[in-house]
Amino acid sequence: MFATLKEDYRTYLLDHAAAPAWRAPIHAFFSYGFLATLIYRYVRWTRDIPSRLLRLPFTLAYLPLKVFSDLALGIQISANADIGPGLHIGHHGGVFLHCDAGRNLSLGQEVTIGYKGAGKSTRWPRLGNDIYIGAGAKIFGDITVGDGVVIGANTVVARDVPDRMRVVGAAVRVTPLDAPP
């Protein structure tokens, strides 16, 4: 847990690189995205405690933390989500994550990732490594998003995306990252 959390924290330190050296770690630690990530990593850690009886106090401590993350931070990360190290939530507010994701997932505010809804999908999205998701993007359904994908702001993704693609627009236009837009 701590190695993963350290990689997450490193992404927030980069956001505050311009701040004085003594202040950057404090700003990074208290950023909304990192606090929500810390709470998510905590609940994932509690699942590794083998005994249900030993796990109970830690699970009970998680419940008010989850309410704080949901209401005060506006960031909801499902305890069932499996997200690799390097998670970075750039801005707070309206973020909902229910997915499996690899390393270095970076996203903006108002991002929703999860089931399609209305009983139309049986699984949440699976995201690869090194993915950037712009503000307001929606990713839903039983889909796979490949490694190195960039998803633009306010884009709706409801079908598979191969590796190293740029996905932009509500009508989803997929183009190679190396090609001009």
N, C-alpha and C. Protein backbone atom coordinates (compact mmCIF):
# COMPACT_ATOMS: atom_id res chain seq x y z
N MET A 1 0.82 -1.19 0.00
CA MET A 1 0.00 0.00 0.00
C MET A 1 0.86 1.26 0.00
N PHE A 2 1.91 1.28 0.83
CA PHE A 2 2.69 2.50 0.98
C PHE A 2 3.51 2.82 -0.27
N ALA A 3 4.00 1.79 -0.97
CA ALA A 3 4.74 2.04 -2.21
C ALA A 3 3.81 2.65 -3.27
N THR A 4 2.61 2.12 -3.36
CA THR A 4 1.62 2.65 -4.31
C THR A 4 1.23 4.07 -3.94
N LEU A 5 1.00 4.31 -2.67
CA LEU A 5 0.64 5.65 -2.20
C LEU A 5 1.77 6.65 -2.44
N LYS A 6 2.99 6.19 -2.30
CA LYS A 6 4.15 7.05 -2.56
C LYS A 6 4.19 7.49 -4.02
N GLU A 7 3.89 6.56 -4.93
CA GLU A 7 3.84 6.93 -6.36
C GLU A 7 2.69 7.89 -6.64
N ASP A 8 1.56 7.68 -5.99
CA ASP A 8 0.43 8.61 -6.13
C ASP A 8 0.85 10.01 -5.66
N TYR A 9 1.47 10.06 -4.50
CA TYR A 9 1.89 11.34 -3.91
C TYR A 9 2.88 12.08 -4.81
N ARG A 10 3.76 11.33 -5.44
CA ARG A 10 4.75 11.94 -6.34
C ARG A 10 4.07 12.71 -7.47
N THR A 11 2.93 12.24 -7.96
CA THR A 11 2.22 12.96 -9.03
C THR A 11 1.68 14.29 -8.54
N TYR A 12 1.28 14.34 -7.28
CA TYR A 12 0.77 15.60 -6.71
C TYR A 12 1.90 16.58 -6.40
N LEU A 13 3.06 16.05 -6.05
CA LEU A 13 4.22 16.92 -5.83
C LEU A 13 4.60 17.67 -7.11
N LEU A 14 4.45 17.01 -8.25
CA LEU A 14 4.76 17.66 -9.53
C LEU A 14 3.84 18.85 -9.78
N ASP A 15 2.60 18.77 -9.31
CA ASP A 15 1.66 19.90 -9.45
C ASP A 15 2.12 21.13 -8.68
N HIS A 16 2.85 20.92 -7.61
CA HIS A 16 3.25 22.01 -6.72
C HIS A 16 4.75 22.29 -6.79
N ALA A 17 5.36 21.96 -7.90
CA ALA A 17 6.81 22.13 -8.05
C ALA A 17 7.22 23.60 -7.97
N ALA A 18 6.35 24.51 -8.35
CA ALA A 18 6.69 25.94 -8.34
C ALA A 18 6.61 26.55 -6.95
N ALA A 19 5.97 25.87 -6.02
CA ALA A 19 5.85 26.39 -4.65
C ALA A 19 7.21 26.28 -3.95
N PRO A 20 7.42 27.07 -2.91
CA PRO A 20 8.67 26.93 -2.14
C PRO A 20 8.84 25.49 -1.65
N ALA A 21 10.08 25.06 -1.53
CA ALA A 21 10.38 23.66 -1.21
C ALA A 21 9.73 23.18 0.08
N TRP A 22 9.59 24.05 1.05
CA TRP A 22 8.99 23.64 2.32
C TRP A 22 7.48 23.54 2.24
N ARG A 23 6.88 24.25 1.29
CA ARG A 23 5.42 24.29 1.20
C ARG A 23 4.85 23.26 0.22
N ALA A 24 5.60 22.86 -0.79
CA ALA A 24 5.10 21.94 -1.81
C ALA A 24 4.59 20.62 -1.23
N PRO A 25 5.32 19.96 -0.32
CA PRO A 25 4.80 18.69 0.23
C PRO A 25 3.49 18.86 1.00
N ILE A 26 3.33 19.99 1.67
CA ILE A 26 2.11 20.25 2.43
C ILE A 26 0.93 20.46 1.48
N HIS A 27 1.14 21.27 0.46
CA HIS A 27 0.08 21.51 -0.52
C HIS A 27 -0.30 20.23 -1.24
N ALA A 28 0.70 19.42 -1.59
CA ALA A 28 0.43 18.17 -2.29
C ALA A 28 -0.38 17.22 -1.41
N PHE A 29 0.01 17.12 -0.14
CA PHE A 29 -0.69 16.20 0.76
C PHE A 29 -2.14 16.61 0.97
N PHE A 30 -2.41 17.89 1.09
CA PHE A 30 -3.77 18.34 1.38
C PHE A 30 -4.58 18.69 0.12
N SER A 31 -4.08 18.34 -1.05
CA SER A 31 -4.90 18.55 -2.25
C SER A 31 -6.06 17.55 -2.22
N TYR A 32 -7.21 17.98 -2.73
CA TYR A 32 -8.41 17.15 -2.66
C TYR A 32 -8.20 15.79 -3.32
N GLY A 33 -7.55 15.78 -4.46
CA GLY A 33 -7.34 14.52 -5.17
C GLY A 33 -6.51 13.54 -4.36
N PHE A 34 -5.45 14.03 -3.71
CA PHE A 34 -4.62 13.13 -2.93
C PHE A 34 -5.36 12.62 -1.69
N LEU A 35 -6.14 13.46 -1.04
CA LEU A 35 -6.90 13.00 0.12
C LEU A 35 -7.88 11.89 -0.27
N ALA A 36 -8.55 12.05 -1.40
CA ALA A 36 -9.47 11.01 -1.87
C ALA A 36 -8.70 9.74 -2.23
N THR A 37 -7.53 9.90 -2.84
CA THR A 37 -6.70 8.75 -3.18
C THR A 37 -6.24 8.03 -1.92
N LEU A 38 -5.86 8.79 -0.90
CA LEU A 38 -5.43 8.23 0.37
C LEU A 38 -6.55 7.39 1.00
N ILE A 39 -7.77 7.90 0.96
CA ILE A 39 -8.91 7.16 1.50
C ILE A 39 -9.17 5.89 0.70
N TYR A 40 -9.05 5.99 -0.62
CA TYR A 40 -9.23 4.81 -1.47
C TYR A 40 -8.16 3.75 -1.18
N ARG A 41 -6.90 4.17 -1.09
CA ARG A 41 -5.82 3.21 -0.81
C ARG A 41 -6.01 2.58 0.58
N TYR A 42 -6.53 3.34 1.51
CA TYR A 42 -6.79 2.81 2.85
C TYR A 42 -7.80 1.67 2.80
N VAL A 43 -8.92 1.88 2.11
CA VAL A 43 -9.94 0.84 2.07
C VAL A 43 -9.44 -0.38 1.32
N ARG A 44 -8.61 -0.19 0.30
CA ARG A 44 -8.04 -1.34 -0.40
C ARG A 44 -7.09 -2.11 0.52
N TRP A 45 -6.38 -1.38 1.37
CA TRP A 45 -5.49 -2.02 2.34
C TRP A 45 -6.29 -2.85 3.34
N THR A 46 -7.44 -2.35 3.79
CA THR A 46 -8.23 -3.09 4.77
C THR A 46 -8.70 -4.43 4.22
N ARG A 47 -8.85 -4.53 2.93
CA ARG A 47 -9.29 -5.79 2.33
C ARG A 47 -8.22 -6.87 2.41
N ASP A 48 -6.98 -6.48 2.65
CA ASP A 48 -5.89 -7.45 2.78
C ASP A 48 -5.78 -8.04 4.18
N ILE A 49 -6.53 -7.50 5.13
CA ILE A 49 -6.52 -8.03 6.49
C ILE A 49 -7.32 -9.34 6.47
N PRO A 50 -6.67 -10.47 6.80
CA PRO A 50 -7.31 -11.77 6.58
C PRO A 50 -8.54 -12.03 7.46
N SER A 51 -8.50 -11.62 8.70
CA SER A 51 -9.59 -11.93 9.61
C SER A 51 -10.68 -10.86 9.53
N ARG A 52 -11.91 -11.29 9.37
CA ARG A 52 -13.03 -10.33 9.33
C ARG A 52 -13.15 -9.56 10.63
N LEU A 53 -12.87 -10.24 11.73
CA LEU A 53 -12.97 -9.60 13.04
C LEU A 53 -11.92 -8.51 13.20
N LEU A 54 -10.70 -8.77 12.75
CA LEU A 54 -9.64 -7.76 12.80
C LEU A 54 -9.90 -6.62 11.83
N ARG A 55 -10.54 -6.94 10.72
CA ARG A 55 -10.83 -5.95 9.69
C ARG A 55 -11.95 -4.99 10.08
N LEU A 56 -12.85 -5.43 10.94
CA LEU A 56 -14.04 -4.66 11.29
C LEU A 56 -13.76 -3.23 11.78
N PRO A 57 -12.85 -3.00 12.74
CA PRO A 57 -12.64 -1.61 13.18
C PRO A 57 -12.09 -0.71 12.07
N PHE A 58 -11.27 -1.28 11.20
CA PHE A 58 -10.72 -0.49 10.10
C PHE A 58 -11.80 -0.15 9.07
N THR A 59 -12.71 -1.10 8.85
CA THR A 59 -13.83 -0.86 7.94
C THR A 59 -14.77 0.20 8.52
N LEU A 60 -15.01 0.14 9.81
CA LEU A 60 -15.88 1.14 10.44
C LEU A 60 -15.23 2.52 10.39
N ALA A 61 -13.91 2.59 10.52
CA ALA A 61 -13.21 3.88 10.41
C ALA A 61 -13.29 4.42 8.98
N TYR A 62 -13.40 3.52 8.00
CA TYR A 62 -13.48 3.94 6.60
C TYR A 62 -14.80 4.65 6.28
N LEU A 63 -15.88 4.25 6.91
CA LEU A 63 -17.20 4.79 6.55
C LEU A 63 -17.28 6.31 6.66
N PRO A 64 -16.87 6.94 7.77
CA PRO A 64 -16.91 8.42 7.79
C PRO A 64 -15.92 9.05 6.81
N LEU A 65 -14.80 8.37 6.56
CA LEU A 65 -13.85 8.88 5.57
C LEU A 65 -14.47 8.88 4.18
N LYS A 66 -15.22 7.83 3.87
CA LYS A 66 -15.89 7.74 2.57
C LYS A 66 -16.93 8.86 2.42
N VAL A 67 -17.69 9.11 3.47
CA VAL A 67 -18.68 10.19 3.43
C VAL A 67 -17.97 11.53 3.22
N PHE A 68 -16.86 11.73 3.91
CA PHE A 68 -16.07 12.96 3.73
C PHE A 68 -15.60 13.10 2.28
N SER A 69 -15.08 12.02 1.72
CA SER A 69 -14.60 12.07 0.34
C SER A 69 -15.74 12.37 -0.63
N ASP A 70 -16.86 11.70 -0.44
CA ASP A 70 -18.00 11.88 -1.34
C ASP A 70 -18.59 13.29 -1.24
N LEU A 71 -18.83 13.76 -0.03
CA LEU A 71 -19.54 15.02 0.16
C LEU A 71 -18.63 16.25 0.15
N ALA A 72 -17.56 16.21 0.90
CA ALA A 72 -16.69 17.39 1.02
C ALA A 72 -15.75 17.53 -0.17
N LEU A 73 -15.20 16.43 -0.64
CA LEU A 73 -14.24 16.50 -1.75
C LEU A 73 -14.92 16.37 -3.11
N GLY A 74 -16.08 15.74 -3.15
CA GLY A 74 -16.77 15.54 -4.43
C GLY A 74 -16.09 14.49 -5.29
N ILE A 75 -15.40 13.56 -4.64
CA ILE A 75 -14.68 12.50 -5.37
C ILE A 75 -15.12 11.17 -4.80
N GLN A 76 -15.69 10.32 -5.65
CA GLN A 76 -16.14 9.01 -5.21
C GLN A 76 -15.36 7.95 -5.97
N ILE A 77 -14.55 7.19 -5.23
CA ILE A 77 -13.79 6.09 -5.81
C ILE A 77 -14.31 4.81 -5.17
N SER A 78 -14.85 3.92 -5.96
CA SER A 78 -15.42 2.68 -5.45
C SER A 78 -14.35 1.83 -4.77
N ALA A 79 -14.72 1.23 -3.66
CA ALA A 79 -13.80 0.33 -2.97
C ALA A 79 -13.52 -0.91 -3.82
N ASN A 80 -14.40 -1.21 -4.76
CA ASN A 80 -14.20 -2.36 -5.66
C ASN A 80 -13.31 -2.04 -6.84
N ALA A 81 -13.04 -0.77 -7.07
CA ALA A 81 -12.16 -0.38 -8.18
C ALA A 81 -10.75 -0.90 -7.92
N ASP A 82 -10.07 -1.28 -8.98
CA ASP A 82 -8.68 -1.74 -8.86
C ASP A 82 -7.83 -0.80 -9.70
N ILE A 83 -7.22 0.18 -9.04
CA ILE A 83 -6.48 1.23 -9.75
C ILE A 83 -5.02 1.15 -9.35
N GLY A 84 -4.14 1.12 -10.36
CA GLY A 84 -2.71 1.00 -10.12
C GLY A 84 -2.09 2.26 -9.56
N PRO A 85 -0.78 2.22 -9.29
CA PRO A 85 -0.09 3.38 -8.72
C PRO A 85 -0.03 4.54 -9.71
N GLY A 86 0.13 5.74 -9.17
CA GLY A 86 0.23 6.92 -10.01
C GLY A 86 -1.11 7.57 -10.30
N LEU A 87 -2.14 7.27 -9.52
CA LEU A 87 -3.46 7.90 -9.71
C LEU A 87 -3.35 9.39 -9.40
N HIS A 88 -3.84 10.21 -10.32
CA HIS A 88 -3.79 11.66 -10.13
C HIS A 88 -5.14 12.26 -10.52
N ILE A 89 -5.79 12.88 -9.55
CA ILE A 89 -7.06 13.57 -9.79
C ILE A 89 -6.75 15.06 -9.70
N GLY A 90 -6.71 15.72 -10.84
CA GLY A 90 -6.24 17.09 -10.92
C GLY A 90 -7.13 18.12 -10.25
N HIS A 91 -8.43 17.92 -10.28
CA HIS A 91 -9.36 18.88 -9.68
C HIS A 91 -10.48 18.11 -9.00
N HIS A 92 -11.04 18.69 -7.98
CA HIS A 92 -12.11 18.01 -7.26
C HIS A 92 -13.46 18.32 -7.90
N GLY A 93 -14.43 17.56 -7.50
CA GLY A 93 -15.80 17.85 -7.88
C GLY A 93 -16.33 16.96 -8.98
N GLY A 94 -17.35 16.18 -8.65
CA GLY A 94 -18.05 15.39 -9.64
C GLY A 94 -17.26 14.24 -10.21
N VAL A 95 -16.28 13.71 -9.49
CA VAL A 95 -15.47 12.60 -9.99
C VAL A 95 -16.03 11.30 -9.44
N PHE A 96 -16.33 10.35 -10.34
CA PHE A 96 -16.84 9.04 -9.96
C PHE A 96 -16.01 7.99 -10.68
N LEU A 97 -15.32 7.14 -9.92
CA LEU A 97 -14.47 6.11 -10.51
C LEU A 97 -14.91 4.72 -10.05
N HIS A 98 -15.30 3.92 -11.00
CA HIS A 98 -15.59 2.51 -10.74
C HIS A 98 -15.05 1.75 -11.94
N CYS A 99 -13.77 1.38 -11.85
CA CYS A 99 -13.11 0.77 -13.00
C CYS A 99 -11.88 0.00 -12.53
N ASP A 100 -11.31 -0.76 -13.45
CA ASP A 100 -9.98 -1.33 -13.26
C ASP A 100 -9.05 -0.50 -14.12
N ALA A 101 -7.94 -0.03 -13.54
CA ALA A 101 -7.03 0.84 -14.29
C ALA A 101 -5.59 0.48 -13.96
N GLY A 102 -4.72 0.70 -14.92
CA GLY A 102 -3.30 0.44 -14.74
C GLY A 102 -2.60 1.61 -14.06
N ARG A 103 -1.32 1.72 -14.34
CA ARG A 103 -0.48 2.76 -13.75
C ARG A 103 -0.74 4.12 -14.41
N ASN A 104 -0.52 5.17 -13.63
CA ASN A 104 -0.51 6.55 -14.13
C ASN A 104 -1.81 6.96 -14.80
N LEU A 105 -2.89 6.85 -14.08
CA LEU A 105 -4.19 7.35 -14.54
C LEU A 105 -4.32 8.78 -14.04
N SER A 106 -4.53 9.71 -14.96
CA SER A 106 -4.66 11.13 -14.62
C SER A 106 -5.98 11.64 -15.17
N LEU A 107 -6.74 12.34 -14.32
CA LEU A 107 -8.04 12.81 -14.79
C LEU A 107 -8.41 14.15 -14.17
N GLY A 108 -9.32 14.83 -14.85
CA GLY A 108 -9.80 16.14 -14.41
C GLY A 108 -11.13 16.02 -13.69
N GLN A 109 -11.75 17.17 -13.45
CA GLN A 109 -13.02 17.20 -12.72
C GLN A 109 -14.17 16.71 -13.58
N GLU A 110 -15.25 16.32 -12.91
CA GLU A 110 -16.49 15.89 -13.55
C GLU A 110 -16.32 14.65 -14.44
N VAL A 111 -15.36 13.79 -14.12
CA VAL A 111 -15.14 12.56 -14.88
C VAL A 111 -15.95 11.44 -14.26
N THR A 112 -16.67 10.71 -15.10
CA THR A 112 -17.44 9.56 -14.65
C THR A 112 -16.97 8.33 -15.39
N ILE A 113 -16.61 7.29 -14.62
CA ILE A 113 -16.20 6.01 -15.21
C ILE A 113 -16.94 4.92 -14.46
N GLY A 114 -17.73 4.12 -15.20
CA GLY A 114 -18.46 3.07 -14.51
C GLY A 114 -19.34 2.25 -15.42
N TYR A 115 -20.31 1.58 -14.80
CA TYR A 115 -21.27 0.76 -15.53
C TYR A 115 -22.10 1.59 -16.50
N LYS A 116 -22.64 0.93 -17.50
CA LYS A 116 -23.51 1.62 -18.46
C LYS A 116 -24.84 1.99 -17.83
N GLY A 117 -25.34 1.18 -16.93
CA GLY A 117 -26.60 1.48 -16.25
C GLY A 117 -27.78 0.78 -16.89
N ALA A 118 -28.88 0.80 -16.19
CA ALA A 118 -30.13 0.19 -16.64
C ALA A 118 -29.95 -1.29 -16.96
N GLY A 119 -28.99 -1.94 -16.29
CA GLY A 119 -28.75 -3.36 -16.49
C GLY A 119 -28.16 -3.71 -17.84
N LYS A 120 -27.61 -2.72 -18.55
CA LYS A 120 -27.12 -2.96 -19.90
C LYS A 120 -25.65 -3.36 -19.96
N SER A 121 -24.93 -3.35 -18.84
CA SER A 121 -23.55 -3.84 -18.86
C SER A 121 -23.31 -4.69 -17.63
N THR A 122 -22.48 -5.68 -17.79
CA THR A 122 -22.20 -6.60 -16.70
C THR A 122 -20.87 -6.30 -16.03
N ARG A 123 -20.11 -5.38 -16.58
CA ARG A 123 -18.77 -5.10 -16.06
C ARG A 123 -18.45 -3.63 -16.26
N TRP A 124 -17.57 -3.12 -15.41
CA TRP A 124 -17.12 -1.74 -15.53
C TRP A 124 -15.94 -1.67 -16.50
N PRO A 125 -15.56 -0.49 -16.93
CA PRO A 125 -14.46 -0.34 -17.89
C PRO A 125 -13.11 -0.80 -17.33
N ARG A 126 -12.25 -1.24 -18.24
CA ARG A 126 -10.89 -1.60 -17.93
C ARG A 126 -9.98 -0.64 -18.68
N LEU A 127 -9.14 0.08 -17.92
CA LEU A 127 -8.26 1.09 -18.51
C LEU A 127 -6.82 0.62 -18.42
N GLY A 128 -6.04 0.91 -19.45
CA GLY A 128 -4.63 0.52 -19.47
C GLY A 128 -3.74 1.48 -18.69
N ASN A 129 -2.47 1.48 -19.00
CA ASN A 129 -1.48 2.33 -18.35
C ASN A 129 -1.35 3.67 -19.05
N ASP A 130 -0.90 4.68 -18.32
CA ASP A 130 -0.56 6.00 -18.87
C ASP A 130 -1.73 6.63 -19.63
N ILE A 131 -2.83 6.81 -18.94
CA ILE A 131 -4.04 7.36 -19.57
C ILE A 131 -4.33 8.73 -18.98
N TYR A 132 -4.68 9.67 -19.85
CA TYR A 132 -5.14 10.99 -19.42
C TYR A 132 -6.61 11.13 -19.83
N ILE A 133 -7.44 11.57 -18.89
CA ILE A 133 -8.86 11.76 -19.16
C ILE A 133 -9.22 13.20 -18.83
N GLY A 134 -9.68 13.95 -19.83
CA GLY A 134 -10.00 15.36 -19.67
C GLY A 134 -11.28 15.59 -18.88
N ALA A 135 -11.46 16.83 -18.48
CA ALA A 135 -12.61 17.23 -17.65
C ALA A 135 -13.93 16.89 -18.34
N GLY A 136 -14.86 16.36 -17.58
CA GLY A 136 -16.19 16.10 -18.08
C GLY A 136 -16.34 14.84 -18.92
N ALA A 137 -15.28 14.08 -19.09
CA ALA A 137 -15.36 12.86 -19.91
C ALA A 137 -16.18 11.79 -19.20
N LYS A 138 -16.84 10.97 -19.98
CA LYS A 138 -17.65 9.87 -19.47
C LYS A 138 -17.20 8.59 -20.17
N ILE A 139 -16.89 7.57 -19.38
CA ILE A 139 -16.48 6.28 -19.92
C ILE A 139 -17.35 5.25 -19.23
N PHE A 140 -18.09 4.48 -20.01
CA PHE A 140 -19.01 3.55 -19.37
C PHE A 140 -19.19 2.29 -20.18
N GLY A 141 -19.57 1.23 -19.47
CA GLY A 141 -19.86 -0.05 -20.10
C GLY A 141 -18.70 -1.03 -19.99
N ASP A 142 -18.92 -2.20 -20.52
CA ASP A 142 -17.94 -3.28 -20.52
C ASP A 142 -16.98 -3.06 -21.69
N ILE A 143 -16.06 -2.11 -21.51
CA ILE A 143 -15.13 -1.76 -22.59
C ILE A 143 -13.69 -1.80 -22.07
N THR A 144 -12.76 -1.79 -23.01
CA THR A 144 -11.33 -1.74 -22.68
C THR A 144 -10.72 -0.53 -23.37
N VAL A 145 -9.98 0.25 -22.61
CA VAL A 145 -9.25 1.40 -23.14
C VAL A 145 -7.77 1.05 -23.04
N GLY A 146 -7.07 1.10 -24.17
CA GLY A 146 -5.68 0.67 -24.23
C GLY A 146 -4.69 1.58 -23.53
N ASP A 147 -3.42 1.22 -23.59
CA ASP A 147 -2.34 1.99 -22.97
C ASP A 147 -2.07 3.27 -23.75
N GLY A 148 -1.67 4.32 -23.02
CA GLY A 148 -1.24 5.56 -23.65
C GLY A 148 -2.34 6.34 -24.35
N VAL A 149 -3.57 6.19 -23.92
CA VAL A 149 -4.71 6.85 -24.56
C VAL A 149 -4.94 8.22 -23.93
N VAL A 150 -5.30 9.20 -24.76
CA VAL A 150 -5.68 10.53 -24.30
C VAL A 150 -7.15 10.72 -24.65
N ILE A 151 -7.97 10.97 -23.63
CA ILE A 151 -9.40 11.18 -23.84
C ILE A 151 -9.70 12.65 -23.55
N GLY A 152 -10.22 13.34 -24.55
CA GLY A 152 -10.46 14.77 -24.45
C GLY A 152 -11.62 15.13 -23.54
N ALA A 153 -11.70 16.42 -23.24
CA ALA A 153 -12.75 16.93 -22.36
C ALA A 153 -14.13 16.69 -22.97
N ASN A 154 -15.08 16.37 -22.11
CA ASN A 154 -16.48 16.15 -22.48
C ASN A 154 -16.70 15.07 -23.53
N THR A 155 -15.78 14.14 -23.62
CA THR A 155 -15.91 13.03 -24.55
C THR A 155 -16.66 11.88 -23.89
N VAL A 156 -17.53 11.25 -24.66
CA VAL A 156 -18.26 10.08 -24.18
C VAL A 156 -17.68 8.86 -24.88
N VAL A 157 -17.19 7.90 -24.08
CA VAL A 157 -16.56 6.69 -24.63
C VAL A 157 -17.40 5.50 -24.20
N ALA A 158 -17.94 4.78 -25.19
CA ALA A 158 -18.78 3.62 -24.90
C ALA A 158 -18.38 2.40 -25.73
N ARG A 159 -17.19 2.46 -26.33
CA ARG A 159 -16.68 1.30 -27.08
C ARG A 159 -15.18 1.21 -26.88
N ASP A 160 -14.62 0.07 -27.21
CA ASP A 160 -13.19 -0.17 -26.99
C ASP A 160 -12.33 0.85 -27.73
N VAL A 161 -11.19 1.17 -27.10
CA VAL A 161 -10.22 2.09 -27.70
C VAL A 161 -8.86 1.40 -27.70
N PRO A 162 -8.21 1.26 -28.87
CA PRO A 162 -6.89 0.61 -28.91
C PRO A 162 -5.80 1.49 -28.29
N ASP A 163 -4.61 0.93 -28.14
CA ASP A 163 -3.46 1.64 -27.57
C ASP A 163 -3.10 2.88 -28.38
N ARG A 164 -2.54 3.88 -27.64
CA ARG A 164 -1.95 5.09 -28.24
C ARG A 164 -2.92 5.82 -29.18
N MET A 165 -4.10 6.08 -28.70
CA MET A 165 -5.11 6.81 -29.48
C MET A 165 -5.53 8.08 -28.75
N ARG A 166 -5.99 9.03 -29.53
CA ARG A 166 -6.60 10.27 -29.02
C ARG A 166 -8.09 10.13 -29.27
N VAL A 167 -8.89 10.34 -28.24
CA VAL A 167 -10.33 10.20 -28.37
C VAL A 167 -10.95 11.55 -28.01
N VAL A 168 -11.65 12.16 -28.97
CA VAL A 168 -12.23 13.48 -28.74
C VAL A 168 -13.64 13.55 -29.28
N GLY A 169 -14.46 14.39 -28.66
CA GLY A 169 -15.81 14.65 -29.16
C GLY A 169 -16.84 13.69 -28.62
N ALA A 170 -18.07 14.15 -28.57
CA ALA A 170 -19.17 13.33 -28.08
C ALA A 170 -19.48 12.19 -29.04
N ALA A 171 -19.16 12.36 -30.32
CA ALA A 171 -19.43 11.31 -31.29
C ALA A 171 -18.27 10.33 -31.39
N VAL A 172 -17.25 10.49 -30.59
CA VAL A 172 -16.05 9.67 -30.50
C VAL A 172 -15.39 9.44 -31.85
N ARG A 173 -14.36 10.20 -32.05
CA ARG A 173 -13.51 10.04 -33.22
C ARG A 173 -12.15 9.59 -32.70
N VAL A 174 -11.71 8.41 -33.11
CA VAL A 174 -10.46 7.83 -32.62
C VAL A 174 -9.39 8.00 -33.70
N THR A 175 -8.28 8.66 -33.32
CA THR A 175 -7.19 8.88 -34.26
C THR A 175 -5.87 8.51 -33.58
N PRO A 176 -4.88 8.08 -34.33
CA PRO A 176 -3.57 7.78 -33.74
C PRO A 176 -2.95 9.04 -33.14
N LEU A 177 -2.26 8.90 -32.02
CA LEU A 177 -1.63 10.03 -31.37
C LEU A 177 -0.55 10.68 -32.25
N ASP A 178 0.08 9.90 -33.08
CA ASP A 178 1.17 10.42 -33.91
C ASP A 178 0.67 11.19 -35.14
N ALA A 179 -0.61 11.05 -35.47
CA ALA A 179 -1.19 11.76 -36.63
C ALA A 179 -1.65 13.15 -36.20
N PRO A 180 -1.63 14.12 -37.11
CA PRO A 180 -2.16 15.45 -36.76
C PRO A 180 -3.66 15.38 -36.47
N PRO A 181 -4.17 16.24 -35.59
CA PRO A 181 -5.60 16.18 -35.21
C PRO A 181 -6.53 16.52 -36.31
